Amino acid sequence: NGGYSNAYTSKDMTAYYEDFASSALELVIDLDSDRMRDLALDPKYLESEMGVVKEERRLRIDNSVDGQMYEDLYALAFKAHPYQWPVLGWMSDLERINRDDCVNYYRTYYAPNNAVLVVVGDFDTKEAMALIHKYYDDIPRGKPYDDVRTVEPEQLGERRAVIHKKAELPAVLIGYHVPSVKSPDIYALDIIQQILTEGESSRLYQLLVRELGIAAYVYSSFTWRIDPDIFLFGAKCNPGKSTVELEKAIYSVLDSIAVSGVTEEELSKAKNKLIADFYRSLQTVNGKAGKIGRYEILFGDYREMFRVQERYQSVTVDDIKRVAGRYFSDRNRSVVTLVPEKDEG
């Protein structure tokens, strides 16, 4: 039918998506409802797919310096909350998962009471709703399950870990606990990320890469989550430089923002970029559907997406100072340092 289908899993959700011509609407609804109702968990397919997942883990984590550092940082930063676990799972778990495990999971979570269905594109609304009712109405609810009740305890001091792995250069990965989507501070944190690491004019790039020449690259990552997550900073050393120098430079920039804030020019530029990126993500039907589904799951109401622009615009320099001072403190920090090991011989 000339379409495209794929899926992804994050710490908060699994999403399946299809891009097809509108003439295939009933076919797609039929196929998706069948996946929810009668997935054929055939042992031979489970075995082959588990091999794919194991290989993905080897590629992304076991044989990846960045992946190993990321996994270890989450294990270090979280003591109680499930965010500490890798989405791909541990290899020992992957080797022991059986069909009964999969069936139980499927019957619990792949159900209409735990799903958001989004249709975007060239279709008649009444026709689409009739098809959805036709194929979904008799699918039973899933098994009862509890939402995550564990609240990560407050971190009371810096945590550190060291990784020895074959690599060319030392690197550092730093994480700070930050709030969930329930907090209005997420908009200031988005802006801080833009100012610090987005583009060659960003503060950390200018200092670490251009001025001091101690980093080959520097980046940050902040993702909206249902529960509180971490704000990441990563950097790799240039030859002859140390992670001590990297950390010192990063902390100096974070401290300066907490004390002095940012310029109005930086603030305006970051807001414009975030708002432009938001609207740019809505240019395709896939982008629209993904955005609606994500906001519905994260906020419990997709209409929150219509308030994003005003919330970014309302962030002030004082908000930036307050948020940086609140979250980027040493007692709220976890650090993973990479010590390179060379191949023998």
Protein backbone atom coordinates (compact mmCIF):
# COMPACT_ATOMS: atom_id res chain seq x y z
CA ASN A 1 0.00 0.00 0.00
CA GLY A 2 3.01 2.31 -0.33
CA GLY A 3 3.09 3.29 3.34
CA TYR A 4 5.58 3.25 6.19
CA SER A 5 5.32 1.77 9.68
CA ASN A 6 7.66 1.89 12.67
CA ALA A 7 7.79 2.24 16.45
CA TYR A 8 9.92 3.47 19.34
CA THR A 9 10.10 3.09 23.10
CA SER A 10 11.18 5.76 25.60
CA LYS A 11 11.24 5.80 29.40
CA ASP A 12 7.56 6.84 29.45
CA MET A 13 5.85 5.28 26.43
CA THR A 14 5.89 2.99 23.43
CA ALA A 15 4.57 4.50 20.20
CA TYR A 16 3.59 2.80 16.96
CA TYR A 17 3.07 5.00 13.93
CA GLU A 18 2.03 4.61 10.32
CA ASP A 19 2.25 6.98 7.35
CA PHE A 20 -0.17 5.91 4.62
CA ALA A 21 -2.38 7.45 1.98
CA SER A 22 -5.87 8.25 3.28
CA SER A 23 -7.31 5.52 1.05
CA ALA A 24 -5.67 2.95 3.38
CA LEU A 25 -7.29 4.31 6.54
CA GLU A 26 -9.46 1.27 7.22
CA LEU A 27 -6.58 -1.10 6.55
CA VAL A 28 -4.34 0.72 9.03
CA ILE A 29 -7.04 0.85 11.72
CA ASP A 30 -7.72 -2.85 11.16
CA LEU A 31 -4.03 -3.76 11.47
CA ASP A 32 -3.45 -1.59 14.57
CA SER A 33 -6.52 -2.94 16.34
CA ASP A 34 -5.38 -6.49 15.54
CA ARG A 35 -2.00 -5.71 17.13
CA MET A 36 -3.85 -4.65 20.29
CA ARG A 37 -6.32 -7.55 20.24
CA ASP A 38 -4.57 -10.67 18.94
CA LEU A 39 -0.82 -10.26 18.68
CA ALA A 40 0.66 -13.61 17.65
CA LEU A 41 3.39 -14.13 20.22
CA ASP A 42 4.79 -17.13 18.37
CA PRO A 43 7.86 -18.59 20.17
CA LYS A 44 9.93 -18.72 16.97
CA TYR A 45 9.34 -15.01 16.31
CA LEU A 46 10.03 -14.14 19.94
CA GLU A 47 13.37 -15.90 19.72
CA SER A 48 14.41 -14.10 16.55
CA GLU A 49 13.24 -10.69 17.77
CA MET A 50 14.98 -11.18 21.11
CA GLY A 51 18.15 -11.70 19.13
CA VAL A 52 17.55 -8.34 17.46
CA VAL A 53 17.08 -6.63 20.84
CA LYS A 54 20.26 -8.22 22.22
CA GLU A 55 22.22 -7.01 19.22
CA GLU A 56 20.77 -3.53 19.67
CA ARG A 57 21.93 -3.54 23.28
CA ARG A 58 25.43 -4.62 22.24
CA LEU A 59 25.54 -1.84 19.64
CA ARG A 60 24.07 0.98 21.71
CA ILE A 61 25.44 0.20 25.19
CA ASP A 62 27.90 -2.67 25.59
CA ASN A 63 30.08 -1.64 22.64
CA SER A 64 29.42 2.09 22.94
CA VAL A 65 31.37 4.41 25.21
CA ASP A 66 28.58 7.00 25.23
CA GLY A 67 25.89 4.37 25.79
CA GLN A 68 27.77 2.82 28.71
CA MET A 69 28.31 6.20 30.34
CA TYR A 70 24.63 7.08 29.90
CA GLU A 71 23.49 3.80 31.45
CA ASP A 72 25.89 4.15 34.39
CA LEU A 73 24.86 7.74 35.03
CA TYR A 74 21.20 6.78 35.37
CA ALA A 75 22.10 3.89 37.68
CA LEU A 76 24.12 6.36 39.76
CA ALA A 77 21.60 9.22 39.84
CA PHE A 78 18.53 7.11 40.66
CA LYS A 79 18.37 4.84 43.70
CA ALA A 80 14.64 4.08 43.77
CA HIS A 81 12.74 5.22 40.67
CA PRO A 82 12.48 2.93 37.61
CA TYR A 83 14.17 5.56 35.42
CA GLN A 84 17.40 3.98 36.69
CA TRP A 85 16.79 1.00 34.37
CA PRO A 86 17.80 1.05 30.68
CA VAL A 87 14.93 0.97 28.20
CA LEU A 88 16.59 -1.92 26.35
CA GLY A 89 16.92 -3.92 29.58
CA TRP A 90 19.85 -5.81 31.02
CA MET A 91 21.37 -8.62 28.97
CA SER A 92 20.70 -11.18 31.72
CA ASP A 93 16.99 -10.27 31.58
CA LEU A 94 16.89 -10.47 27.79
CA GLU A 95 18.42 -13.95 27.95
CA ARG A 96 15.72 -15.19 30.34
CA ILE A 97 12.49 -13.54 29.17
CA ASN A 98 10.01 -16.21 28.10
CA ARG A 99 6.71 -16.27 26.26
CA ASP A 100 4.65 -16.15 29.46
CA ASP A 101 6.44 -12.94 30.48
CA CYS A 102 5.61 -11.40 27.12
CA VAL A 103 1.97 -12.52 27.15
CA ASN A 104 1.42 -11.17 30.66
CA TYR A 105 2.97 -7.83 29.74
CA TYR A 106 0.99 -7.65 26.52
CA ARG A 107 -2.33 -8.44 28.22
CA THR A 108 -1.65 -5.76 30.80
CA TYR A 109 -0.44 -2.79 28.78
CA TYR A 110 -1.51 -3.32 25.15
CA ALA A 111 -5.09 -2.41 25.84
CA PRO A 112 -7.52 0.44 25.05
CA ASN A 113 -7.56 1.70 28.64
CA ASN A 114 -3.81 2.30 28.39
CA ALA A 115 -3.60 3.75 24.88
CA VAL A 116 -3.93 7.03 23.01
CA LEU A 117 -4.98 6.74 19.35
CA VAL A 118 -4.31 9.71 17.08
CA VAL A 119 -5.40 10.11 13.46
CA VAL A 120 -4.09 13.06 11.43
CA GLY A 121 -4.49 13.79 7.75
CA ASP A 122 -6.94 13.86 4.86
CA PHE A 123 -9.96 11.92 6.15
CA ASP A 124 -13.61 12.35 7.05
CA THR A 125 -13.96 12.56 10.83
CA LYS A 126 -17.28 10.70 11.05
CA GLU A 127 -15.98 7.92 8.83
CA ALA A 128 -12.76 7.59 10.84
CA MET A 129 -14.65 7.47 14.16
CA ALA A 130 -17.01 4.83 12.77
CA LEU A 131 -14.03 2.69 11.74
CA ILE A 132 -12.36 3.13 15.12
CA HIS A 133 -15.53 2.03 16.93
CA LYS A 134 -15.94 -0.89 14.52
CA TYR A 135 -12.47 -2.30 15.13
CA TYR A 136 -11.76 -1.26 18.73
CA ASP A 137 -15.01 -1.30 20.72
CA ASP A 138 -14.99 -5.00 21.58
CA ILE A 139 -11.32 -5.14 22.62
CA PRO A 140 -11.32 -5.87 26.38
CA ARG A 141 -9.58 -3.75 28.98
CA GLY A 142 -6.13 -4.86 30.08
CA LYS A 143 -5.24 -6.42 33.42
CA PRO A 144 -5.24 -4.01 36.38
CA TYR A 145 -1.89 -2.33 37.02
CA ASP A 146 -0.53 0.35 39.31
CA ASP A 147 1.10 3.54 38.17
CA VAL A 148 4.64 4.14 39.40
CA ARG A 149 4.34 5.11 43.05
CA THR A 150 8.03 5.38 43.88
CA VAL A 151 9.31 8.92 44.40
CA GLU A 152 13.05 9.33 44.05
CA PRO A 153 14.50 10.56 47.39
CA GLU A 154 16.22 13.92 47.42
CA GLN A 155 19.90 13.64 46.60
CA LEU A 156 22.00 14.82 49.53
CA GLY A 157 25.40 15.13 47.93
CA GLU A 158 27.47 14.64 44.80
CA ARG A 159 27.78 11.08 43.47
CA ARG A 160 30.65 9.88 41.29
CA ALA A 161 31.54 6.86 39.20
CA VAL A 162 34.45 5.98 36.94
CA ILE A 163 34.33 3.81 33.81
CA HIS A 164 37.42 2.12 32.38
CA LYS A 165 36.74 1.32 28.73
CA LYS A 166 38.61 1.18 25.45
CA ALA A 167 38.51 4.70 24.04
CA GLU A 168 40.76 7.35 22.55
CA LEU A 169 40.04 10.28 24.86
CA PRO A 170 38.67 10.95 28.35
CA ALA A 171 35.08 12.16 28.67
CA VAL A 172 32.65 13.27 31.34
CA LEU A 173 28.86 12.97 31.73
CA ILE A 174 27.10 15.07 34.36
CA GLY A 175 23.49 14.80 35.51
CA TYR A 176 21.31 17.06 37.67
CA HIS A 177 17.90 16.06 38.99
CA VAL A 178 15.17 18.26 37.46
CA PRO A 179 11.36 18.26 37.72
CA SER A 180 8.67 16.55 35.67
CA VAL A 181 6.24 18.15 33.22
CA LYS A 182 4.11 19.10 36.21
CA SER A 183 6.55 21.95 36.96
CA PRO A 184 6.51 25.26 35.07
CA ASP A 185 10.31 25.27 35.41
CA ILE A 186 10.58 22.97 32.36
CA TYR A 187 10.26 25.97 30.05
CA ALA A 188 13.16 27.81 31.68
CA LEU A 189 15.22 24.61 31.55
CA ASP A 190 14.54 24.30 27.81
CA ILE A 191 15.76 27.86 27.35
CA ILE A 192 18.89 27.22 29.44
CA GLN A 193 19.73 24.23 27.27
CA GLN A 194 19.46 26.35 24.14
CA ILE A 195 21.71 29.06 25.57
CA LEU A 196 24.33 26.64 26.87
CA THR A 197 24.85 24.12 24.06
CA GLU A 198 22.71 24.72 20.97
CA GLY A 199 24.90 25.94 18.12
CA GLU A 200 28.42 27.28 17.87
CA SER A 201 27.42 30.57 19.51
CA SER A 202 26.25 28.78 22.68
CA ARG A 203 28.05 29.54 25.93
CA LEU A 204 29.60 26.14 26.63
CA TYR A 205 30.69 25.62 23.01
CA GLN A 206 32.32 29.04 22.92
CA LEU A 207 34.19 28.50 26.19
CA LEU A 208 35.16 24.82 26.07
CA VAL A 209 35.75 24.36 22.34
CA ARG A 210 36.66 27.81 20.98
CA GLU A 211 38.29 29.77 23.82
CA LEU A 212 39.93 27.16 26.05
CA GLY A 213 40.28 24.40 23.45
CA ILE A 214 39.83 21.71 26.10
CA ALA A 215 36.82 19.94 24.55
CA ALA A 216 36.32 18.22 21.21
CA TYR A 217 32.59 18.71 21.71
CA VAL A 218 30.06 19.55 24.41
CA TYR A 219 26.32 18.92 24.54
CA SER A 220 23.36 18.86 26.90
CA SER A 221 20.10 16.95 27.00
CA PHE A 222 16.85 17.72 28.78
CA THR A 223 13.69 15.73 28.04
CA TRP A 224 10.20 16.29 29.41
CA ARG A 225 9.12 13.27 31.48
CA ILE A 226 6.07 12.11 33.41
CA ASP A 227 8.26 11.89 36.54
CA PRO A 228 11.34 13.92 37.52
CA ASP A 229 14.37 13.09 35.35
CA ILE A 230 17.89 14.48 34.94
CA PHE A 231 19.44 17.28 32.89
CA LEU A 232 22.59 15.97 31.20
CA PHE A 233 25.85 17.64 30.21
CA GLY A 234 28.43 15.69 28.23
CA ALA A 235 31.88 16.59 26.92
CA LYS A 236 34.91 14.83 25.44
CA CYS A 237 38.45 16.03 26.05
CA ASN A 238 40.85 17.20 23.40
CA PRO A 239 44.25 15.38 23.44
CA GLY A 240 46.32 16.40 26.44
CA LYS A 241 43.36 17.81 28.36
CA SER A 242 41.61 16.38 31.42
CA THR A 243 38.06 15.86 32.63
CA VAL A 244 38.97 17.99 35.67
CA GLU A 245 39.39 20.96 33.33
CA LEU A 246 36.11 20.14 31.56
CA GLU A 247 34.15 19.95 34.78
CA LYS A 248 35.65 23.15 36.16
CA ALA A 249 34.70 25.07 33.01
CA ILE A 250 31.15 23.68 32.88
CA TYR A 251 30.50 24.47 36.53
CA SER A 252 31.83 28.00 36.14
CA VAL A 253 29.29 28.70 33.37
CA LEU A 254 26.41 27.20 35.36
CA ASP A 255 27.38 29.23 38.43
CA SER A 256 27.59 32.43 36.40
CA ILE A 257 24.05 31.94 35.08
CA ALA A 258 22.74 31.30 38.59
CA VAL A 259 24.35 34.52 39.81
CA SER A 260 24.16 36.87 36.83
CA GLY A 261 21.55 35.29 34.59
CA VAL A 262 21.67 35.67 30.81
CA THR A 263 21.35 38.60 28.46
CA GLU A 264 18.03 39.67 27.00
CA GLU A 265 19.47 38.92 23.57
CA GLU A 266 20.32 35.34 24.57
CA LEU A 267 16.88 34.91 26.12
CA SER A 268 15.06 36.22 23.07
CA LYS A 269 17.14 34.12 20.67
CA ALA A 270 16.50 30.93 22.68
CA LYS A 271 12.75 31.59 22.86
CA ASN A 272 12.53 32.22 19.13
CA LYS A 273 14.45 29.01 18.36
CA LEU A 274 12.27 26.86 20.66
CA ILE A 275 9.02 28.29 19.30
CA ALA A 276 10.23 27.94 15.70
CA ASP A 277 11.26 24.32 16.35
CA PHE A 278 7.84 23.62 17.85
CA TYR A 279 5.99 24.84 14.77
CA ARG A 280 8.52 23.23 12.45
CA SER A 281 7.76 19.88 14.07
CA LEU A 282 4.11 20.27 13.00
CA GLN A 283 4.86 20.54 9.27
CA THR A 284 4.08 16.86 8.59
CA VAL A 285 1.08 14.74 9.54
CA ASN A 286 3.45 12.42 11.42
CA GLY A 287 4.79 15.40 13.36
CA LYS A 288 1.31 16.58 14.26
CA ALA A 289 0.22 13.11 15.38
CA GLY A 290 3.36 12.58 17.44
CA LYS A 291 3.00 15.93 19.16
CA ILE A 292 -0.67 15.38 20.02
CA GLY A 293 0.01 11.91 21.40
CA ARG A 294 3.03 13.00 23.41
CA TYR A 295 1.23 15.90 25.06
CA GLU A 296 -1.79 13.73 25.83
CA ILE A 297 0.40 11.15 27.58
CA LEU A 298 2.72 13.57 29.37
CA PHE A 299 0.19 16.18 30.45
CA GLY A 300 -3.06 14.20 30.28
CA ASP A 301 -4.41 16.82 27.86
CA TYR A 302 -3.11 17.37 24.32
CA ARG A 303 -4.41 20.95 24.41
CA GLU A 304 -1.43 21.89 26.55
CA MET A 305 0.49 22.13 23.27
CA PHE A 306 -1.47 25.26 22.40
CA ARG A 307 -0.07 27.04 25.49
CA VAL A 308 3.61 26.36 24.79
CA GLN A 309 4.36 29.65 23.02
CA GLU A 310 3.01 31.85 25.81
CA ARG A 311 4.83 29.80 28.44
CA TYR A 312 8.18 30.20 26.71
CA GLN A 313 7.51 33.89 26.19
CA SER A 314 6.69 34.40 29.88
CA VAL A 315 10.13 33.18 31.08
CA THR A 316 12.25 36.04 32.44
CA VAL A 317 15.94 36.50 33.21
CA ASP A 318 15.08 36.19 36.91
CA ASP A 319 13.41 32.84 36.17
CA ILE A 320 16.59 31.64 34.46
CA LYS A 321 18.71 32.65 37.47
CA ARG A 322 16.32 31.03 39.94
CA VAL A 323 16.07 27.75 38.02
CA ALA A 324 19.83 27.48 37.42
CA GLY A 325 20.53 28.17 41.09
CA ARG A 326 17.93 25.67 42.25
CA TYR A 327 18.90 22.65 40.16
CA PHE A 328 22.57 23.02 39.12
CA SER A 329 24.07 22.59 42.57
CA ASP A 330 26.90 20.24 43.56
CA ARG A 331 24.73 18.29 46.03
CA ASN A 332 22.24 17.57 43.22
CA ARG A 333 24.94 16.35 40.85
CA SER A 334 26.02 12.91 39.61
CA VAL A 335 29.18 12.52 37.51
CA VAL A 336 30.50 9.66 35.39
CA THR A 337 34.09 9.96 34.17
CA LEU A 338 35.57 7.87 31.37
CA VAL A 339 39.17 6.65 31.79
CA PRO A 340 40.34 5.40 28.38
CA GLU A 341 42.02 2.05 28.03
CA LYS A 342 44.15 1.32 24.97
CA ASP A 343 44.19 -1.89 23.00
CA GLU A 344 47.11 -4.03 24.07
CA GLY A 345 49.74 -4.38 21.40
